[in-house]
């Protein structure tokens, strides 16, 4: 069963995504911020990370950078609802840092599942650092 790490400081969003993937036969690990996510990531064999970008304590860009230090080929999906800049600004940065997919919130659960399945079916080193957009 594929293992997902879902990182979001919004309990409702994190729980919604986790419940959806649990119901679709995924093992889900949840974290409310980057720091706790890194601790959980180090103890589990995670296949795909879905992370929010705007979070307290350790934000998503830093989290992506640290995840790549732990496992350079980790597959990452970045989500952003915005902050001091538009969501697309944060998502462009996330893509440059190694997120394979990036989506503005809200994103449909089916779109997320499709992105996860595409990442799971890719070879570990296929197109590293090349971002996919929702239109792909």
N, C-alpha and C. Protein backbone atom coordinates (compact mmCIF):
# COMPACT_ATOMS: atom_id res chain seq x y z
N UNK A 1 0.85 -1.17 0.00
CA UNK A 1 0.00 0.00 0.00
C UNK A 1 0.90 1.24 0.00
N UNK A 2 0.68 2.20 -0.93
CA UNK A 2 1.50 3.41 -0.96
C UNK A 2 1.35 4.23 0.32
N UNK A 3 2.46 4.87 0.71
CA UNK A 3 2.47 5.68 1.93
C UNK A 3 2.58 7.15 1.55
N UNK A 4 1.63 7.94 2.05
CA UNK A 4 1.61 9.38 1.82
C UNK A 4 1.88 10.11 3.13
N UNK A 5 2.63 11.20 3.05
CA UNK A 5 2.80 12.11 4.17
C UNK A 5 2.08 13.39 3.79
N UNK A 6 1.07 13.75 4.57
CA UNK A 6 0.29 14.95 4.30
C UNK A 6 0.63 15.99 5.36
N UNK A 7 1.11 17.15 4.91
CA UNK A 7 1.55 18.21 5.82
C UNK A 7 0.69 19.45 5.57
N UNK A 8 -0.06 19.84 6.58
CA UNK A 8 -0.87 21.06 6.49
C UNK A 8 -1.22 21.50 7.90
N UNK A 9 -1.07 22.78 8.16
CA UNK A 9 -1.39 23.29 9.50
C UNK A 9 -2.89 23.46 9.72
N UNK A 10 -3.67 23.39 8.66
CA UNK A 10 -5.13 23.47 8.78
C UNK A 10 -5.65 22.05 9.03
N UNK A 11 -6.10 21.81 10.26
CA UNK A 11 -6.56 20.48 10.65
C UNK A 11 -7.66 19.95 9.74
N UNK A 12 -8.59 20.81 9.36
CA UNK A 12 -9.73 20.37 8.54
C UNK A 12 -9.27 19.92 7.15
N UNK A 13 -8.39 20.69 6.54
CA UNK A 13 -7.90 20.33 5.20
C UNK A 13 -7.07 19.05 5.27
N UNK A 14 -6.16 18.99 6.24
CA UNK A 14 -5.32 17.80 6.39
C UNK A 14 -6.17 16.56 6.63
N UNK A 15 -7.16 16.67 7.48
CA UNK A 15 -8.04 15.54 7.79
C UNK A 15 -8.86 15.11 6.57
N UNK A 16 -9.33 16.08 5.81
CA UNK A 16 -10.12 15.78 4.60
C UNK A 16 -9.26 15.02 3.59
N UNK A 17 -8.06 15.49 3.34
CA UNK A 17 -7.17 14.82 2.39
C UNK A 17 -6.80 13.43 2.90
N UNK A 18 -6.48 13.34 4.19
CA UNK A 18 -6.11 12.04 4.78
C UNK A 18 -7.26 11.04 4.69
N UNK A 19 -8.46 11.46 5.02
CA UNK A 19 -9.62 10.57 4.97
C UNK A 19 -9.87 10.06 3.55
N UNK A 20 -9.74 10.95 2.59
CA UNK A 20 -9.95 10.58 1.19
C UNK A 20 -8.94 9.51 0.75
N UNK A 21 -7.67 9.73 1.06
CA UNK A 21 -6.65 8.76 0.64
C UNK A 21 -6.73 7.47 1.45
N UNK A 22 -7.07 7.55 2.72
CA UNK A 22 -7.28 6.33 3.50
C UNK A 22 -8.39 5.48 2.88
N UNK A 23 -9.47 6.13 2.45
CA UNK A 23 -10.59 5.42 1.84
C UNK A 23 -10.23 4.82 0.48
N UNK A 24 -9.14 5.33 -0.11
CA UNK A 24 -8.69 4.83 -1.42
C UNK A 24 -7.45 3.95 -1.30
N UNK A 25 -7.32 3.29 -0.15
CA UNK A 25 -6.29 2.28 0.08
C UNK A 25 -4.85 2.82 0.09
N UNK A 26 -4.66 3.96 0.69
CA UNK A 26 -3.33 4.50 0.93
C UNK A 26 -3.09 4.50 2.43
N UNK A 27 -1.84 4.35 2.81
CA UNK A 27 -1.45 4.55 4.20
C UNK A 27 -1.09 6.03 4.32
N UNK A 28 -1.66 6.70 5.30
CA UNK A 28 -1.47 8.14 5.44
C UNK A 28 -0.83 8.47 6.77
N UNK A 29 0.20 9.30 6.69
CA UNK A 29 0.84 9.88 7.88
C UNK A 29 0.53 11.37 7.82
N UNK A 30 0.12 11.94 8.95
CA UNK A 30 -0.23 13.35 8.98
C UNK A 30 0.74 14.14 9.84
N UNK A 31 0.98 15.40 9.43
CA UNK A 31 1.81 16.31 10.20
C UNK A 31 1.24 17.72 10.05
N UNK A 32 1.28 18.49 11.15
CA UNK A 32 0.72 19.83 11.15
C UNK A 32 1.74 20.91 10.76
N UNK A 33 3.01 20.54 10.67
CA UNK A 33 4.03 21.51 10.28
C UNK A 33 5.25 20.76 9.76
N UNK A 34 6.16 21.52 9.18
CA UNK A 34 7.34 20.92 8.58
C UNK A 34 8.24 20.20 9.56
N UNK A 35 8.41 20.77 10.72
CA UNK A 35 9.32 20.17 11.71
C UNK A 35 8.85 18.78 12.13
N UNK A 36 7.56 18.64 12.46
CA UNK A 36 7.05 17.32 12.85
C UNK A 36 7.01 16.38 11.64
N UNK A 37 6.79 16.94 10.45
CA UNK A 37 6.79 16.12 9.24
C UNK A 37 8.15 15.48 9.01
N UNK A 38 9.22 16.24 9.21
CA UNK A 38 10.56 15.69 9.02
C UNK A 38 10.85 14.56 9.99
N UNK A 39 10.38 14.69 11.21
CA UNK A 39 10.57 13.62 12.20
C UNK A 39 9.84 12.36 11.77
N UNK A 40 8.60 12.52 11.31
CA UNK A 40 7.81 11.37 10.87
C UNK A 40 8.38 10.77 9.58
N UNK A 41 8.84 11.62 8.69
CA UNK A 41 9.42 11.17 7.42
C UNK A 41 10.65 10.30 7.66
N UNK A 42 11.46 10.70 8.62
CA UNK A 42 12.69 9.95 8.91
C UNK A 42 12.42 8.55 9.44
N UNK A 43 11.22 8.32 9.98
CA UNK A 43 10.88 7.02 10.58
C UNK A 43 10.03 6.14 9.67
N UNK A 44 9.65 6.64 8.49
CA UNK A 44 8.73 5.90 7.63
C UNK A 44 9.27 5.83 6.20
N UNK A 45 8.79 4.88 5.45
CA UNK A 45 9.15 4.76 4.04
C UNK A 45 8.05 5.43 3.22
N UNK A 46 8.16 6.74 3.07
CA UNK A 46 7.12 7.54 2.42
C UNK A 46 7.34 7.53 0.91
N UNK A 47 6.24 7.36 0.17
CA UNK A 47 6.29 7.36 -1.29
C UNK A 47 6.07 8.75 -1.88
N UNK A 48 5.10 9.48 -1.33
CA UNK A 48 4.75 10.81 -1.85
C UNK A 48 4.42 11.72 -0.67
N UNK A 49 4.87 12.98 -0.79
CA UNK A 49 4.54 14.00 0.21
C UNK A 49 3.61 15.02 -0.43
N UNK A 50 2.55 15.36 0.29
CA UNK A 50 1.67 16.46 -0.11
C UNK A 50 1.83 17.51 0.98
N UNK A 51 2.34 18.69 0.60
CA UNK A 51 2.60 19.70 1.62
C UNK A 51 2.01 21.06 1.28
N UNK A 52 1.46 21.67 2.29
CA UNK A 52 1.07 23.07 2.21
C UNK A 52 2.37 23.88 2.23
N UNK A 53 2.32 25.10 1.73
CA UNK A 53 3.53 25.92 1.71
C UNK A 53 3.55 26.97 2.82
N UNK A 54 2.40 27.49 3.20
CA UNK A 54 2.36 28.53 4.22
C UNK A 54 1.95 27.89 5.54
N UNK A 55 2.95 27.72 6.42
CA UNK A 55 2.72 27.08 7.72
C UNK A 55 3.61 27.76 8.76
N UNK A 56 3.17 27.75 10.01
CA UNK A 56 4.02 28.29 11.07
C UNK A 56 5.18 27.34 11.39
N UNK A 57 6.14 27.82 12.10
CA UNK A 57 7.29 27.06 12.57
C UNK A 57 8.24 26.74 11.43
N UNK A 58 7.91 25.82 10.55
CA UNK A 58 8.75 25.52 9.38
C UNK A 58 7.83 25.47 8.18
N UNK A 59 7.98 26.46 7.30
CA UNK A 59 7.10 26.54 6.15
C UNK A 59 7.45 25.51 5.09
N UNK A 60 6.61 25.43 4.06
CA UNK A 60 6.72 24.36 3.08
C UNK A 60 7.96 24.37 2.22
N UNK A 61 8.46 25.55 1.83
CA UNK A 61 9.65 25.61 0.99
C UNK A 61 10.85 25.02 1.74
N UNK A 62 11.01 25.42 3.00
CA UNK A 62 12.09 24.87 3.82
C UNK A 62 11.90 23.37 4.03
N UNK A 63 10.66 22.96 4.23
CA UNK A 63 10.36 21.54 4.41
C UNK A 63 10.76 20.74 3.16
N UNK A 64 10.43 21.25 1.99
CA UNK A 64 10.79 20.57 0.74
C UNK A 64 12.31 20.43 0.64
N UNK A 65 13.01 21.50 0.95
CA UNK A 65 14.48 21.47 0.89
C UNK A 65 15.04 20.39 1.84
N UNK A 66 14.50 20.33 3.07
CA UNK A 66 14.98 19.36 4.05
C UNK A 66 14.60 17.92 3.68
N UNK A 67 13.42 17.74 3.09
CA UNK A 67 13.00 16.41 2.64
C UNK A 67 13.96 15.89 1.58
N UNK A 68 14.37 16.76 0.67
CA UNK A 68 15.30 16.35 -0.38
C UNK A 68 16.67 16.00 0.19
N UNK A 69 17.05 16.60 1.29
CA UNK A 69 18.31 16.23 1.94
C UNK A 69 18.23 14.82 2.50
N UNK A 70 17.05 14.45 3.00
CA UNK A 70 16.86 13.12 3.58
C UNK A 70 16.69 12.04 2.50
N UNK A 71 16.02 12.40 1.42
CA UNK A 71 15.75 11.44 0.33
C UNK A 71 15.64 12.25 -0.96
N UNK A 72 16.71 12.29 -1.71
CA UNK A 72 16.78 13.19 -2.87
C UNK A 72 15.71 12.92 -3.92
N UNK A 73 15.24 11.69 -4.02
CA UNK A 73 14.27 11.35 -5.06
C UNK A 73 12.82 11.38 -4.56
N UNK A 74 12.56 11.96 -3.40
CA UNK A 74 11.20 11.98 -2.87
C UNK A 74 10.28 12.76 -3.81
N UNK A 75 9.09 12.25 -3.96
CA UNK A 75 8.09 12.87 -4.84
C UNK A 75 7.21 13.78 -4.01
N UNK A 76 7.05 15.02 -4.46
CA UNK A 76 6.37 16.04 -3.65
C UNK A 76 5.32 16.77 -4.47
N UNK A 77 4.17 16.98 -3.82
CA UNK A 77 3.09 17.81 -4.36
C UNK A 77 2.94 18.98 -3.40
N UNK A 78 3.03 20.21 -3.94
CA UNK A 78 2.90 21.42 -3.13
C UNK A 78 1.52 22.03 -3.33
N UNK A 79 0.97 22.54 -2.21
CA UNK A 79 -0.33 23.21 -2.23
C UNK A 79 -0.18 24.59 -1.60
N UNK A 80 -0.87 25.58 -2.16
CA UNK A 80 -0.82 26.90 -1.54
C UNK A 80 -2.11 27.67 -1.76
N UNK A 81 -2.54 28.31 -0.71
CA UNK A 81 -3.69 29.21 -0.79
C UNK A 81 -3.23 30.66 -0.83
N UNK A 82 -1.93 30.88 -0.82
CA UNK A 82 -1.39 32.23 -0.85
C UNK A 82 -0.89 32.67 0.50
N UNK A 83 -0.50 33.87 0.57
CA UNK A 83 0.05 34.45 1.78
C UNK A 83 0.37 35.89 1.46
N UNK A 84 1.61 36.31 1.69
CA UNK A 84 1.98 37.68 1.37
C UNK A 84 2.14 37.89 -0.14
N UNK A 85 2.24 36.81 -0.89
CA UNK A 85 2.24 36.90 -2.36
C UNK A 85 1.15 35.95 -2.87
N UNK A 86 0.91 35.98 -4.16
CA UNK A 86 -0.13 35.11 -4.73
C UNK A 86 0.27 33.65 -4.60
N UNK A 87 -0.73 32.74 -4.62
CA UNK A 87 -0.40 31.31 -4.55
C UNK A 87 0.57 30.89 -5.65
N UNK A 88 0.43 31.46 -6.85
CA UNK A 88 1.31 31.05 -7.95
C UNK A 88 2.76 31.40 -7.67
N UNK A 89 3.02 32.48 -6.95
CA UNK A 89 4.40 32.83 -6.59
C UNK A 89 5.03 31.78 -5.71
N UNK A 90 4.31 31.34 -4.69
CA UNK A 90 4.81 30.28 -3.80
C UNK A 90 4.96 28.96 -4.55
N UNK A 91 4.00 28.67 -5.41
CA UNK A 91 4.03 27.40 -6.14
C UNK A 91 5.19 27.36 -7.13
N UNK A 92 5.52 28.50 -7.75
CA UNK A 92 6.68 28.54 -8.64
C UNK A 92 7.96 28.27 -7.87
N UNK A 93 8.08 28.84 -6.68
CA UNK A 93 9.26 28.60 -5.84
C UNK A 93 9.33 27.12 -5.47
N UNK A 94 8.19 26.54 -5.08
CA UNK A 94 8.15 25.12 -4.70
C UNK A 94 8.60 24.24 -5.86
N UNK A 95 8.16 24.56 -7.06
CA UNK A 95 8.56 23.79 -8.24
C UNK A 95 10.07 23.87 -8.46
N UNK A 96 10.63 25.05 -8.27
CA UNK A 96 12.08 25.21 -8.43
C UNK A 96 12.85 24.46 -7.35
N UNK A 97 12.22 24.25 -6.20
CA UNK A 97 12.86 23.54 -5.10
C UNK A 97 12.69 22.02 -5.22
N UNK A 98 11.89 21.56 -6.19
CA UNK A 98 11.79 20.13 -6.42
C UNK A 98 10.41 19.52 -6.29
N UNK A 99 9.37 20.31 -6.10
CA UNK A 99 8.02 19.74 -6.10
C UNK A 99 7.65 19.39 -7.54
N UNK A 100 7.20 18.15 -7.75
CA UNK A 100 6.86 17.71 -9.10
C UNK A 100 5.51 18.25 -9.56
N UNK A 101 4.60 18.44 -8.61
CA UNK A 101 3.29 19.02 -8.91
C UNK A 101 3.05 20.15 -7.94
N UNK A 102 2.32 21.17 -8.40
CA UNK A 102 1.95 22.27 -7.52
C UNK A 102 0.56 22.74 -7.90
N UNK A 103 -0.26 22.93 -6.87
CA UNK A 103 -1.66 23.31 -7.07
C UNK A 103 -2.05 24.43 -6.13
N UNK A 104 -2.88 25.34 -6.63
CA UNK A 104 -3.49 26.36 -5.78
C UNK A 104 -4.66 25.73 -5.04
N UNK A 105 -4.85 26.15 -3.80
CA UNK A 105 -6.03 25.71 -3.03
C UNK A 105 -7.19 26.59 -3.44
N UNK A 106 -8.39 26.08 -3.48
CA UNK A 106 -8.72 24.68 -3.26
C UNK A 106 -8.43 23.85 -4.50
N UNK A 107 -8.06 22.59 -4.28
CA UNK A 107 -7.83 21.65 -5.36
C UNK A 107 -8.72 20.44 -5.10
N UNK A 108 -9.27 19.88 -6.15
CA UNK A 108 -10.16 18.73 -5.95
C UNK A 108 -9.35 17.52 -5.51
N UNK A 109 -9.97 16.69 -4.72
CA UNK A 109 -9.32 15.47 -4.24
C UNK A 109 -9.01 14.53 -5.39
N UNK A 110 -9.84 14.52 -6.42
CA UNK A 110 -9.59 13.67 -7.57
C UNK A 110 -8.34 14.12 -8.32
N UNK A 111 -8.13 15.43 -8.43
CA UNK A 111 -6.93 15.96 -9.08
C UNK A 111 -5.70 15.57 -8.27
N UNK A 112 -5.78 15.68 -6.95
CA UNK A 112 -4.66 15.26 -6.09
C UNK A 112 -4.37 13.78 -6.26
N UNK A 113 -5.42 12.96 -6.27
CA UNK A 113 -5.24 11.51 -6.41
C UNK A 113 -4.60 11.19 -7.76
N UNK A 114 -5.02 11.86 -8.81
CA UNK A 114 -4.45 11.64 -10.13
C UNK A 114 -2.95 11.99 -10.13
N UNK A 115 -2.58 13.09 -9.49
CA UNK A 115 -1.17 13.48 -9.41
C UNK A 115 -0.36 12.46 -8.61
N UNK A 116 -0.92 12.00 -7.50
CA UNK A 116 -0.24 10.99 -6.69
C UNK A 116 -0.02 9.72 -7.51
N UNK A 117 -1.04 9.27 -8.21
CA UNK A 117 -0.92 8.04 -9.00
C UNK A 117 0.11 8.19 -10.12
N UNK A 118 0.16 9.36 -10.76
CA UNK A 118 1.16 9.59 -11.80
C UNK A 118 2.56 9.53 -11.20
N UNK A 119 2.75 10.14 -10.04
CA UNK A 119 4.06 10.11 -9.40
C UNK A 119 4.46 8.70 -9.00
N UNK A 120 3.51 7.93 -8.50
CA UNK A 120 3.81 6.55 -8.09
C UNK A 120 4.19 5.67 -9.28
N UNK A 121 3.71 6.02 -10.45
CA UNK A 121 3.99 5.23 -11.65
C UNK A 121 5.22 5.69 -12.41
N UNK A 122 5.84 6.81 -11.99
CA UNK A 122 7.05 7.30 -12.62
C UNK A 122 8.26 6.56 -12.09
N UNK A 123 9.29 6.52 -12.91
CA UNK A 123 10.57 5.99 -12.45
C UNK A 123 11.13 6.97 -11.43
N UNK A 124 11.89 6.50 -10.44
CA UNK A 124 12.40 7.38 -9.39
C UNK A 124 13.15 8.60 -9.88
N UNK A 125 13.90 8.49 -10.96
CA UNK A 125 14.69 9.63 -11.42
C UNK A 125 14.11 10.31 -12.65
N UNK A 126 12.86 10.00 -13.01
CA UNK A 126 12.31 10.60 -14.22
C UNK A 126 11.99 12.07 -13.99
N UNK A 127 12.53 12.89 -14.85
CA UNK A 127 12.30 14.33 -14.86
C UNK A 127 12.43 14.98 -13.49
N UNK A 128 13.54 14.78 -12.79
CA UNK A 128 13.67 15.41 -11.48
C UNK A 128 13.64 16.92 -11.61
N UNK A 129 12.89 17.55 -10.72
CA UNK A 129 12.84 19.01 -10.68
C UNK A 129 11.96 19.64 -11.73
N UNK A 130 11.38 18.85 -12.63
CA UNK A 130 10.50 19.43 -13.63
C UNK A 130 9.08 19.45 -13.08
N UNK A 131 8.54 20.63 -12.87
CA UNK A 131 7.21 20.73 -12.28
C UNK A 131 6.12 20.37 -13.28
N UNK A 132 5.08 19.81 -12.77
CA UNK A 132 3.87 19.55 -13.54
C UNK A 132 2.81 20.52 -13.06
N UNK A 133 2.03 21.00 -13.94
CA UNK A 133 0.95 21.89 -13.57
C UNK A 133 -0.37 21.15 -13.73
N UNK A 134 -1.46 21.70 -13.20
CA UNK A 134 -2.74 21.00 -13.32
C UNK A 134 -3.14 20.70 -14.77
N UNK A 135 -2.60 21.44 -15.74
CA UNK A 135 -2.96 21.21 -17.13
C UNK A 135 -2.27 19.98 -17.71
N UNK A 136 -1.20 19.47 -17.07
CA UNK A 136 -0.47 18.31 -17.59
C UNK A 136 -1.30 17.05 -17.60
